[in-house]
Every structure is written in C-alpha cells, then in structure tokens.
Amino acid sequence: MAWRLALAFALVCAVVLSAAGVFLYRSLAAEIAFRDDVALLGRLEQVSALLHDSDSLEALQERPRLYQNMLGSQESLLLVDRADGSSVIRINPHGLTLPALAPIPAERGPRREDIHGDPLLSWLAGLAQGPNGEPLQVVVGKQTTERDAMLASYRLRVYVAVVMGAFLAFAIGLLLLRRALRPLRNLADSVAGIDQRSLDQRLVLHDIPAEMHAPVQALNGMLARLEDGFGRLSLFSADLAHEIRTPLNNLLGSTGLALSQPRSAAEYQDLLASNVEEYERLNRMVENLLFLARADYGERLVNRQAIDLHELGDELCDYFEALAADRELTLSNQLGGTLHADLQLLQRALGNLLANAVRHATPGTTITLSGQLSVHNHGPAIEPQHLGRLFDRFYRVDPSRAEPGDSGGLGLAIVKSIMLLHGGSVEVVSDGRGTTFNLCWPLRG
C-alpha cells in the first residue's frame, strides 16, 4: 500500500509540475516574442531617424559600423533600398531571401501586427526619407535561432525538473508513508500475537493515531466477543462430553454386566429396553443440538401464520394432561388472541416450557398458561444466581434432578433460540409465588 500511495503521490506531483512547467514555458516564450517584436519596432524607428538625420546616404555607406553597432547581433538583418530598387545598406549575414514585402504606409506608425515571420526569421518593412527627402524602403529583421535555442534549453530544464520532482516526491512520500504506517504494522504484529490462549489481551491506544482509534476499539470489541464465544464453546464442549458420557457409561455398564455371564431371554429383553431409553436420550440430545446449530446460523426459516393462541393452548394441555395427572398437577389454559408466528416453533417453545413446569411444579398445584404467552407454575423459587444462566445450554439448577425423559439441559436454550428467530426474547420471574416464563414478542408480531 505504501508503494502504491507513494507512486500515486509522485504521479500527482509530476502532473502538477508539468502543468506549471508548461505555463511558465509558454509565458517565457510569449514574453521573449513580445520583447523581440518591440525591439524590431524600435529598430525600424531608429533606422528611419538615422537615415533622415544623416548628411548623405554615401556617408552612411562609408561608416557601416554605425548601424552595425545599432543592430548589435549577427542574427539581425537590415536592408535599405531606394525607390528604384537599388540597395543603399544591406546587412544580411546569412544571405536569407525575403519574399516581396509591402511596407507600412507612411501615414501611420508601425505596430506588432505589421511584423511578419516564419520559423527562422521575423521581419518588418517600412518607409523612410533620406537626407534630401529621398523615399527609401527599410526592412529590419531578426533570426529566431537564438530564441529557439534558449527556449529549447529551458524546455529541457523543465523536463529534468519534472522528472527529479516526481522522483523526490516518490522517495519522500514513501518515507513519510512508511513512518505513518508504522503504528499499523505494530498493530498487525500485536494482533498476530493473539491466539486462543491469549484472547484476554487487548490492543492499546496510546501509540495509535486518533484516526485509527475507532478500528482498534472495534477490534477490541471483536476480541471480547471472541473470548466470550470461545469460553462458551469450551464450556459447551465440556458439558456436552459430560452429558454424553452418562448415557454411554450406562450403556457400557449394563451391556458389560449382561455379557459377564449367561442371561435368560427375559433379562436380555430388559437390558434392551433399558438401552433403548438411553438411545432415545442420546437421540433427543442430538436433535436438540442440531436444531440449535441451525438456529444459530439462521438456517431455520420462520414460516409466519396466524395462530389462535387459545386453540394452541388446548392442544398442548391435552398432550401434557397424562403427565400432569401422574404428578397430581392441573393444567389451566387462559391464553387468548391471535399471534403471527411459526406454528411448529411456537408449539415447541411452549411445549418445552410446559414440560419444564410439570417437572418442577409442586404436586397438587395448577400450571397456568395466561396472558398472551406466559407459563406459570407453583414451586420452589429459583435462586437469583441461577436466573441469568437458565437459558445456557446444558445448564441445570439442580443436576441431580435430571430424569430420563428430560431435554438434557437444552429445553430452555431452544426456547431462547426460537424467540430470537422471531425477533423476540424470553424472560423469567421466580419468587415465593412460583416461577413464570414470559415470551416477549416484537410489536410487529
């Protein structure tokens, strides 16, 4: 990036220097041309005055140094002719041939637009009077060779200045950019040194330019989320291993015991029936984990439809009626209204809450589905330190109360994922009057 930026900076400087060089070159060329034209106009007037004030034309012809000094350059040209075409003065060092010239009218003075020229010579023709009033034609000129050589030299210097300026701009820009990007390289080294064992490290801001504070703070926020996610993943892996180890140990133990000595057909049937319960437990755990994984990555689509909550409550109460009766519990459906949600997901969320309520309610009490979506059961209050972790995967308030038919500590985590899929949330309130789970839906739901 530093090389590309330095090259871009050099190109910009080259363009600017080139534009300035072209402007200065054209200004100089125009100024030199203007001064040469003014010199030609003045020279025509001087020669005209010299011819008029001389004693005779013969005297001028005998003193050529007089007007040669006036010209002052080997690049200058002076031609004075009589009306009959005979030459009086002829100074033409390079023997240039001029086209037919129309002299400036005598009634007006010379102007710049009267000057003619070609790539090699600029000239001006005018009328003058000799010492005795004799009409004369005067031609003054100057070759442009010297001017062209000077402009070529200046042009070469402009080229050199542009090239050297671009090179210096590239070198200085690269140096400054490397110094400016040093904090970024240090930041990259700091980030490269963070691995899974050092996710608690954070990037410091005191050596970072103010313009980079926001990205660094965003990186620190990302590191905090990664640390939290990695910690949750590690805890989840440990919990998963623990949850799977229990049914596997049960299967291995019972199977090993059965194979230690010959058994009857009835005993093998009892063993297989017991193993089926453990397999079902493992199967439920795998299905729940698969659902949570798909929900986390948004692979589970939400098919919203209008749902009659009271009718849904009746269906769930009928389904759990036998289990509630075994525990001497009564189910009361007070749900009402209509909700736009995914029917299967809503059934699963409320079913998990009802199963949880039946499992923990005090015998002889009533479990109530009330409000729009609330499940309340009477039972021991959940201690405050557990409320914040109830929806974590594999978390149980009392691990010793795990039962073969439970969800393996994933039921409430599934409820939370279902609510997140709908853009809502789940809340729990527990006190001496019992425990209530509230499904909170967004206003648009």
Protein backbone atom coordinates (compact mmCIF):
# COMPACT_ATOMS: atom_id res chain seq x y z
CA MET A 1 0.00 0.00 0.00
CA ALA A 2 2.86 2.38 0.83
CA TRP A 3 4.43 1.84 -2.61
CA ARG A 4 1.14 2.40 -4.41
CA LEU A 5 0.36 5.56 -2.44
CA ALA A 6 3.88 6.90 -2.95
CA LEU A 7 3.62 6.23 -6.68
CA ALA A 8 0.25 7.97 -6.82
CA PHE A 9 1.73 10.92 -4.91
CA ALA A 10 4.65 11.06 -7.38
CA LEU A 11 2.27 10.99 -10.36
CA VAL A 12 0.23 13.83 -8.89
CA CYS A 13 3.38 15.88 -8.31
CA ALA A 14 4.55 15.12 -11.87
CA VAL A 15 1.24 16.32 -13.29
CA VAL A 16 1.34 19.50 -11.19
CA LEU A 17 4.96 20.22 -12.08
CA SER A 18 4.25 19.54 -15.76
CA ALA A 19 1.31 21.93 -15.74
CA ALA A 20 3.41 24.59 -14.01
CA GLY A 21 6.31 23.98 -16.44
CA VAL A 22 4.06 24.30 -19.49
CA PHE A 23 2.58 27.51 -18.12
CA LEU A 24 5.99 29.01 -17.37
CA TYR A 25 7.42 27.88 -20.72
CA ARG A 26 4.59 29.43 -22.68
CA SER A 27 4.76 32.59 -20.59
CA LEU A 28 8.50 32.88 -21.25
CA ALA A 29 8.07 32.22 -24.99
CA ALA A 30 5.34 34.85 -25.21
CA GLU A 31 7.45 37.37 -23.25
CA ILE A 32 10.53 36.83 -25.43
CA ALA A 33 8.46 37.12 -28.62
CA PHE A 34 6.91 40.34 -27.30
CA ARG A 35 10.32 41.84 -26.49
CA ASP A 36 11.73 40.85 -29.90
CA ASP A 37 8.75 42.45 -31.61
CA VAL A 38 9.14 45.64 -29.57
CA ALA A 39 12.87 45.67 -30.43
CA LEU A 40 12.06 45.36 -34.15
CA LEU A 41 9.58 48.23 -33.96
CA GLY A 42 12.12 50.39 -32.15
CA ARG A 43 14.86 49.43 -34.58
CA LEU A 44 12.73 50.49 -37.57
CA GLU A 45 12.14 53.88 -35.98
CA GLN A 46 15.84 54.27 -35.09
CA VAL A 47 16.99 53.42 -38.63
CA SER A 48 14.38 55.77 -40.10
CA ALA A 49 15.61 58.57 -37.83
CA LEU A 50 19.24 57.80 -38.68
CA LEU A 51 18.54 57.96 -42.42
CA HIS A 52 16.67 61.23 -42.13
CA ASP A 53 19.28 62.93 -39.94
CA SER A 54 22.36 61.80 -41.88
CA ASP A 55 24.32 64.20 -44.08
CA SER A 56 24.10 61.85 -47.03
CA LEU A 57 23.47 58.25 -47.88
CA GLU A 58 27.05 57.96 -49.13
CA ALA A 59 28.33 58.89 -45.71
CA LEU A 60 26.29 56.09 -44.16
CA GLN A 61 27.62 53.61 -46.66
CA GLU A 62 31.17 54.63 -45.74
CA ARG A 63 30.52 54.15 -41.99
CA PRO A 64 28.97 50.68 -41.71
CA ARG A 65 29.96 50.25 -38.05
CA LEU A 66 27.50 52.94 -37.08
CA TYR A 67 24.42 50.91 -37.93
CA GLN A 68 26.11 47.59 -37.23
CA ASN A 69 26.55 48.64 -33.62
CA MET A 70 22.93 49.69 -33.64
CA LEU A 71 21.90 46.17 -34.64
CA GLY A 72 24.20 44.60 -32.05
CA SER A 73 23.83 40.96 -33.20
CA GLN A 74 24.89 38.72 -36.03
CA GLU A 75 21.34 37.40 -36.07
CA SER A 76 19.95 40.79 -37.15
CA LEU A 77 19.06 41.89 -40.65
CA LEU A 78 18.89 45.42 -42.18
CA LEU A 79 18.01 46.30 -45.78
CA VAL A 80 17.67 49.88 -47.09
CA ASP A 81 16.64 50.30 -50.75
CA ARG A 82 15.89 53.29 -52.93
CA ALA A 83 12.65 53.64 -54.82
CA ASP A 84 14.28 52.29 -57.97
CA GLY A 85 15.28 49.10 -56.13
CA SER A 86 18.98 49.91 -55.79
CA SER A 87 20.50 48.97 -52.47
CA VAL A 88 21.81 51.54 -50.00
CA ILE A 89 22.53 49.32 -46.99
CA ARG A 90 22.50 45.55 -46.97
CA ILE A 91 23.32 43.63 -43.81
CA ASN A 92 22.30 40.01 -44.27
CA PRO A 93 24.97 37.80 -42.63
CA HIS A 94 23.27 34.52 -43.55
CA GLY A 95 22.11 35.52 -47.01
CA LEU A 96 18.43 34.97 -46.28
CA THR A 97 15.96 35.51 -49.10
CA LEU A 98 12.88 37.51 -48.19
CA PRO A 99 9.56 37.41 -50.02
CA ALA A 100 8.06 40.50 -51.62
CA LEU A 101 7.28 42.90 -48.76
CA ALA A 102 4.56 45.51 -48.50
CA PRO A 103 5.94 48.41 -46.41
CA ILE A 104 3.95 50.10 -43.67
CA PRO A 105 2.06 53.14 -45.01
CA ALA A 106 3.86 56.36 -44.21
CA GLU A 107 0.78 57.94 -42.63
CA ARG A 108 0.84 55.63 -39.55
CA GLY A 109 3.42 54.23 -37.19
CA PRO A 110 4.45 50.57 -37.02
CA ARG A 111 2.51 48.10 -34.87
CA ARG A 112 3.08 44.48 -33.74
CA GLU A 113 0.60 43.10 -36.24
CA ASP A 114 2.78 44.53 -39.03
CA ILE A 115 5.59 42.10 -38.15
CA HIS A 116 5.84 39.06 -40.41
CA GLY A 117 7.73 35.89 -39.80
CA ASP A 118 8.43 32.24 -40.47
CA PRO A 119 10.09 29.54 -38.33
CA LEU A 120 13.53 31.09 -38.94
CA LEU A 121 13.04 34.88 -39.18
CA SER A 122 10.84 37.77 -38.07
CA TRP A 123 10.87 40.97 -40.15
CA LEU A 124 9.24 44.36 -40.53
CA ALA A 125 9.18 46.65 -43.62
CA GLY A 126 8.57 50.40 -43.53
CA LEU A 127 9.09 53.66 -45.47
CA ALA A 128 11.67 56.35 -44.61
CA GLN A 129 13.14 59.54 -46.11
CA GLY A 130 16.74 60.16 -46.90
CA PRO A 131 18.70 63.36 -46.06
CA ASN A 132 17.28 65.10 -49.11
CA GLY A 133 13.74 63.78 -48.78
CA GLU A 134 14.52 60.77 -50.95
CA PRO A 135 11.99 57.94 -50.39
CA LEU A 136 13.54 54.78 -49.04
CA GLN A 137 12.26 51.31 -48.05
CA VAL A 138 13.67 49.89 -44.83
CA VAL A 139 13.49 46.23 -43.79
CA VAL A 140 14.61 45.17 -40.31
CA GLY A 141 14.58 41.58 -39.11
CA LYS A 142 16.00 39.11 -36.63
CA GLN A 143 16.55 35.39 -36.84
CA THR A 144 14.74 33.24 -34.24
CA THR A 145 17.59 30.74 -33.91
CA GLU A 146 18.91 32.22 -30.68
CA ARG A 147 15.44 32.44 -29.20
CA ASP A 148 14.65 28.85 -30.19
CA ALA A 149 17.90 27.62 -28.65
CA MET A 150 17.16 29.40 -25.39
CA LEU A 151 13.61 28.01 -25.27
CA ALA A 152 14.91 24.51 -26.04
CA SER A 153 17.35 24.77 -23.15
CA TYR A 154 14.57 25.99 -20.86
CA ARG A 155 12.32 23.18 -22.07
CA LEU A 156 14.99 20.63 -21.24
CA ARG A 157 15.31 22.07 -17.74
CA VAL A 158 11.54 21.78 -17.31
CA TYR A 159 11.71 18.09 -18.26
CA VAL A 160 14.54 17.48 -15.82
CA ALA A 161 12.71 19.39 -13.08
CA VAL A 162 9.53 17.31 -13.61
CA VAL A 163 11.42 14.02 -13.53
CA MET A 164 13.51 14.97 -10.50
CA GLY A 165 10.46 16.40 -8.72
CA ALA A 166 8.48 13.20 -9.32
CA PHE A 167 11.39 11.08 -8.10
CA LEU A 168 11.83 13.20 -4.96
CA ALA A 169 8.08 13.16 -4.34
CA PHE A 170 8.08 9.36 -4.62
CA ALA A 171 11.05 8.98 -2.25
CA ILE A 172 9.75 11.47 0.32
CA GLY A 173 6.20 10.13 0.06
CA LEU A 174 7.39 6.56 0.55
CA LEU A 175 9.43 7.61 3.59
CA LEU A 176 6.55 9.53 5.14
CA LEU A 177 4.06 6.75 4.42
CA ARG A 178 6.32 4.14 5.98
CA ARG A 179 6.59 6.27 9.09
CA ALA A 180 2.84 6.90 9.10
CA LEU A 181 2.05 3.19 8.65
CA ARG A 182 4.40 2.08 11.40
CA PRO A 183 1.57 2.07 14.00
CA LEU A 184 -0.46 -0.10 11.63
CA ARG A 185 2.41 -2.60 11.34
CA ASN A 186 2.77 -2.62 15.12
CA LEU A 187 -0.97 -3.20 15.39
CA ALA A 188 -0.73 -6.10 12.93
CA ASP A 189 2.11 -7.61 14.98
CA SER A 190 0.01 -7.27 18.14
CA VAL A 191 -2.99 -8.93 16.51
CA ALA A 192 -0.80 -11.71 15.10
CA GLY A 193 0.46 -12.47 18.63
CA ILE A 194 -3.07 -13.18 19.94
CA ASP A 195 -4.15 -16.81 19.89
CA GLN A 196 -6.72 -18.94 21.68
CA ARG A 197 -4.63 -18.84 24.87
CA SER A 198 -4.37 -15.03 24.94
CA LEU A 199 -7.82 -13.86 23.93
CA ASP A 200 -7.91 -11.75 27.10
CA GLN A 201 -5.29 -9.39 25.61
CA ARG A 202 -6.47 -6.02 24.25
CA LEU A 203 -4.89 -3.59 21.80
CA VAL A 204 -3.56 -0.38 23.37
CA LEU A 205 -4.46 3.07 22.05
CA HIS A 206 -1.70 5.33 23.36
CA ASP A 207 0.64 4.72 20.36
CA ILE A 208 -2.15 4.67 17.77
CA PRO A 209 -3.15 7.77 15.69
CA ALA A 210 -6.53 9.24 16.53
CA GLU A 211 -7.88 8.24 13.09
CA MET A 212 -7.34 4.57 13.98
CA HIS A 213 -8.93 4.63 17.43
CA ALA A 214 -12.34 3.54 16.10
CA PRO A 215 -10.98 0.47 14.20
CA VAL A 216 -8.83 -0.52 17.21
CA GLN A 217 -11.80 -0.24 19.54
CA ALA A 218 -13.82 -2.34 17.10
CA LEU A 219 -11.04 -4.95 17.14
CA ASN A 220 -11.03 -4.92 20.93
CA GLY A 221 -14.78 -5.43 20.89
CA MET A 222 -14.35 -8.33 18.48
CA LEU A 223 -11.69 -9.85 20.74
CA ALA A 224 -14.04 -9.55 23.70
CA ARG A 225 -16.77 -11.34 21.74
CA LEU A 226 -14.31 -13.99 20.60
CA GLU A 227 -13.14 -14.51 24.18
CA ASP A 228 -16.71 -14.84 25.38
CA GLY A 229 -17.64 -17.14 22.49
CA PHE A 230 -14.53 -19.28 22.94
CA GLY A 231 -15.23 -19.56 26.65
CA ARG A 232 -18.82 -20.56 25.96
CA LEU A 233 -17.64 -23.06 23.35
CA SER A 234 -15.16 -24.60 25.77
CA LEU A 235 -17.82 -24.81 28.47
CA PHE A 236 -20.28 -26.22 25.95
CA SER A 237 -17.79 -28.88 24.85
CA ALA A 238 -17.16 -29.89 28.46
CA ASP A 239 -20.90 -30.01 29.20
CA LEU A 240 -21.57 -31.97 26.02
CA ALA A 241 -18.89 -34.50 26.89
CA HIS A 242 -20.35 -34.83 30.37
CA GLU A 243 -23.91 -35.24 29.10
CA ILE A 244 -22.94 -37.84 26.52
CA ARG A 245 -20.65 -39.70 28.91
CA THR A 246 -23.50 -40.50 31.32
CA PRO A 247 -25.73 -42.47 28.89
CA LEU A 248 -22.67 -44.07 27.28
CA ASN A 249 -21.42 -45.24 30.67
CA ASN A 250 -24.87 -46.59 31.44
CA LEU A 251 -24.95 -48.45 28.12
CA LEU A 252 -21.44 -49.85 28.56
CA GLY A 253 -22.03 -50.82 32.18
CA SER A 254 -25.34 -52.56 31.64
CA THR A 255 -24.16 -54.30 28.49
CA GLY A 256 -20.90 -55.42 30.10
CA LEU A 257 -22.77 -56.72 33.13
CA ALA A 258 -25.18 -58.65 30.93
CA LEU A 259 -22.34 -60.22 28.99
CA SER A 260 -20.38 -61.23 32.09
CA GLN A 261 -22.48 -64.40 32.44
CA PRO A 262 -25.28 -66.19 30.59
CA ARG A 263 -28.68 -64.49 30.90
CA SER A 264 -32.21 -65.51 30.18
CA ALA A 265 -34.22 -64.12 27.28
CA ALA A 266 -36.29 -62.01 29.67
CA GLU A 267 -33.16 -60.46 31.18
CA TYR A 268 -31.82 -59.61 27.71
CA GLN A 269 -35.17 -58.02 26.85
CA ASP A 270 -35.00 -55.89 30.00
CA LEU A 271 -31.46 -54.88 29.05
CA LEU A 272 -32.50 -53.88 25.52
CA ALA A 273 -35.47 -51.93 26.86
CA SER A 274 -33.15 -50.05 29.23
CA ASN A 275 -30.69 -49.40 26.41
CA VAL A 276 -33.48 -48.03 24.21
CA GLU A 277 -34.19 -45.35 26.85
CA GLU A 278 -30.54 -44.26 26.77
CA TYR A 279 -30.54 -44.28 22.96
CA GLU A 280 -33.67 -42.13 22.96
CA ARG A 281 -31.97 -39.75 25.35
CA LEU A 282 -28.94 -39.51 23.06
CA ASN A 283 -31.20 -39.09 20.02
CA ARG A 284 -33.11 -36.22 21.68
CA MET A 285 -29.84 -34.55 22.60
CA VAL A 286 -28.53 -34.80 19.01
CA GLU A 287 -31.79 -33.45 17.57
CA ASN A 288 -31.80 -30.55 20.02
CA LEU A 289 -28.16 -29.71 19.28
CA LEU A 290 -28.83 -29.85 15.55
CA PHE A 291 -31.80 -27.51 15.96
CA LEU A 292 -29.73 -25.04 18.00
CA ALA A 293 -26.90 -25.12 15.46
CA ARG A 294 -29.28 -24.39 12.59
CA ALA A 295 -30.98 -21.63 14.56
CA ASP A 296 -27.65 -20.01 15.42
CA TYR A 297 -26.65 -19.86 11.74
CA GLY A 298 -30.09 -18.76 10.54
CA GLU A 299 -30.68 -21.94 8.56
CA ARG A 300 -34.12 -22.45 10.12
CA LEU A 301 -36.66 -20.36 8.18
CA VAL A 302 -39.62 -18.85 10.05
CA ASN A 303 -42.96 -19.54 8.37
CA ARG A 304 -45.29 -17.00 9.99
CA GLN A 305 -49.01 -17.59 10.06
CA ALA A 306 -51.97 -16.51 12.15
CA ILE A 307 -52.25 -18.74 15.23
CA ASP A 308 -55.24 -18.94 17.60
CA LEU A 309 -53.48 -18.99 20.97
CA HIS A 310 -56.41 -20.44 22.94
CA GLU A 311 -56.74 -23.35 20.50
CA LEU A 312 -52.96 -23.94 20.67
CA GLY A 313 -53.14 -23.93 24.49
CA ASP A 314 -55.89 -26.55 24.45
CA GLU A 315 -53.79 -28.82 22.22
CA LEU A 316 -50.76 -28.54 24.48
CA CYS A 317 -52.81 -29.13 27.64
CA ASP A 318 -54.33 -32.26 26.11
CA TYR A 319 -50.84 -33.51 25.20
CA PHE A 320 -49.40 -32.98 28.70
CA GLU A 321 -52.58 -33.94 30.60
CA ALA A 322 -51.49 -37.52 31.34
CA LEU A 323 -48.02 -36.48 32.57
CA ALA A 324 -49.53 -33.73 34.71
CA ALA A 325 -52.04 -36.14 36.18
CA ASP A 326 -49.24 -38.53 37.17
CA ARG A 327 -47.72 -35.69 39.19
CA GLU A 328 -51.08 -34.56 40.61
CA LEU A 329 -50.99 -31.29 38.66
CA THR A 330 -53.76 -29.35 36.93
CA LEU A 331 -53.31 -27.51 33.63
CA SER A 332 -55.23 -24.26 33.05
CA ASN A 333 -55.38 -22.64 29.61
CA GLN A 334 -56.10 -18.90 29.77
CA LEU A 335 -54.40 -17.95 26.51
CA GLY A 336 -56.29 -15.71 24.12
CA GLY A 337 -55.88 -13.69 20.95
CA THR A 338 -54.06 -14.28 17.68
CA LEU A 339 -50.32 -14.25 17.01
CA HIS A 340 -48.38 -14.32 13.74
CA ALA A 341 -45.60 -16.85 14.24
CA ASP A 342 -44.22 -20.19 13.10
CA LEU A 343 -46.67 -22.78 14.42
CA GLN A 344 -44.16 -25.64 14.82
CA LEU A 345 -41.60 -23.42 16.57
CA LEU A 346 -44.22 -21.91 18.88
CA GLN A 347 -45.53 -25.37 19.77
CA ARG A 348 -42.00 -26.50 20.58
CA ALA A 349 -41.26 -23.44 22.73
CA LEU A 350 -44.47 -23.69 24.74
CA GLY A 351 -44.10 -27.48 24.95
CA ASN A 352 -40.61 -27.11 26.45
CA LEU A 353 -41.90 -24.56 28.98
CA LEU A 354 -44.83 -26.80 29.93
CA ALA A 355 -42.56 -29.86 30.29
CA ASN A 356 -40.22 -27.81 32.48
CA ALA A 357 -43.15 -26.57 34.58
CA VAL A 358 -44.59 -30.09 35.03
CA ARG A 359 -41.16 -31.37 36.07
CA HIS A 360 -40.60 -28.71 38.76
CA ALA A 361 -44.11 -27.81 39.98
CA THR A 362 -45.26 -28.72 43.46
CA PRO A 363 -47.77 -31.63 43.40
CA GLY A 364 -51.37 -30.56 43.89
CA THR A 365 -50.88 -27.13 42.23
CA THR A 366 -52.01 -25.66 38.93
CA ILE A 367 -49.87 -24.76 35.91
CA THR A 368 -51.34 -21.78 34.12
CA LEU A 369 -50.96 -20.60 30.53
CA SER A 370 -52.04 -16.99 30.82
CA GLY A 371 -51.85 -13.57 29.23
CA GLN A 372 -50.75 -13.76 25.65
CA LEU A 373 -47.85 -16.20 26.18
CA SER A 374 -46.90 -16.94 29.79
CA VAL A 375 -46.41 -20.22 31.65
CA HIS A 376 -46.66 -20.13 35.44
CA ASN A 377 -46.14 -22.95 37.92
CA HIS A 378 -46.12 -23.10 41.71
CA GLY A 379 -42.93 -24.47 43.17
CA PRO A 380 -39.68 -23.56 44.93
CA ALA A 381 -38.27 -20.21 43.89
CA ILE A 382 -35.18 -20.25 41.68
CA GLU A 383 -32.24 -18.54 43.37
CA PRO A 384 -31.17 -15.26 41.75
CA GLN A 385 -27.67 -16.53 40.84
CA HIS A 386 -29.27 -19.13 38.56
CA LEU A 387 -31.74 -16.87 36.72
CA GLY A 388 -29.12 -15.41 34.38
CA ARG A 389 -27.93 -18.84 33.24
CA LEU A 390 -31.20 -20.70 32.88
CA PHE A 391 -31.09 -20.39 29.09
CA ASP A 392 -27.49 -21.59 28.72
CA ARG A 393 -27.05 -24.94 27.08
CA PHE A 394 -26.76 -27.96 29.43
CA TYR A 395 -27.29 -25.73 32.46
CA ARG A 396 -29.34 -27.19 35.30
CA VAL A 397 -30.17 -25.56 38.62
CA ASP A 398 -30.02 -28.98 40.28
CA PRO A 399 -28.10 -31.53 38.15
CA SER A 400 -29.13 -34.33 40.49
CA ARG A 401 -32.77 -33.96 39.35
CA ALA A 402 -32.01 -34.99 35.77
CA GLU A 403 -34.56 -37.51 34.56
CA PRO A 404 -34.53 -39.95 31.64
CA GLY A 405 -37.22 -38.04 29.80
CA ASP A 406 -35.78 -34.54 30.17
CA SER A 407 -34.21 -32.44 27.42
CA GLY A 408 -30.66 -32.81 28.63
CA GLY A 409 -30.45 -29.18 29.75
CA LEU A 410 -31.28 -27.87 26.26
CA GLY A 411 -35.02 -27.17 26.56
CA LEU A 412 -34.79 -23.54 27.71
CA ALA A 413 -31.89 -22.87 25.31
CA ILE A 414 -34.18 -23.99 22.49
CA VAL A 415 -36.92 -21.66 23.74
CA LYS A 416 -34.46 -18.74 23.66
CA SER A 417 -33.31 -19.63 20.11
CA ILE A 418 -36.92 -19.83 18.89
CA MET A 419 -37.66 -16.39 20.30
CA LEU A 420 -34.51 -14.96 18.69
CA LEU A 421 -35.61 -16.38 15.35
CA HIS A 422 -38.86 -14.42 15.73
CA GLY A 423 -37.01 -11.27 16.84
CA GLY A 424 -38.31 -11.57 20.42
CA SER A 425 -36.99 -12.69 23.80
CA VAL A 426 -37.87 -14.80 26.84
CA GLU A 427 -37.96 -13.64 30.45
CA VAL A 428 -38.25 -15.48 33.75
CA VAL A 429 -39.55 -14.29 37.11
CA SER A 430 -39.26 -16.51 40.18
CA ASP A 431 -40.32 -15.74 43.75
CA GLY A 432 -42.31 -17.24 46.58
CA ARG A 433 -45.45 -17.35 44.45
CA GLY A 434 -43.84 -19.56 41.80
CA THR A 435 -41.98 -19.25 38.52
CA THR A 436 -43.27 -17.52 35.39
CA PHE A 437 -41.76 -17.66 31.88
CA ASN A 438 -42.89 -14.85 29.56
CA LEU A 439 -42.41 -15.00 25.79
CA CYS A 440 -41.92 -11.40 24.66
CA TRP A 441 -42.76 -10.75 21.01
CA PRO A 442 -41.84 -7.70 18.90
CA LEU A 443 -44.61 -5.19 18.35
CA ARG A 444 -44.92 -6.08 14.66
CA GLY A 445 -45.68 -9.70 15.72
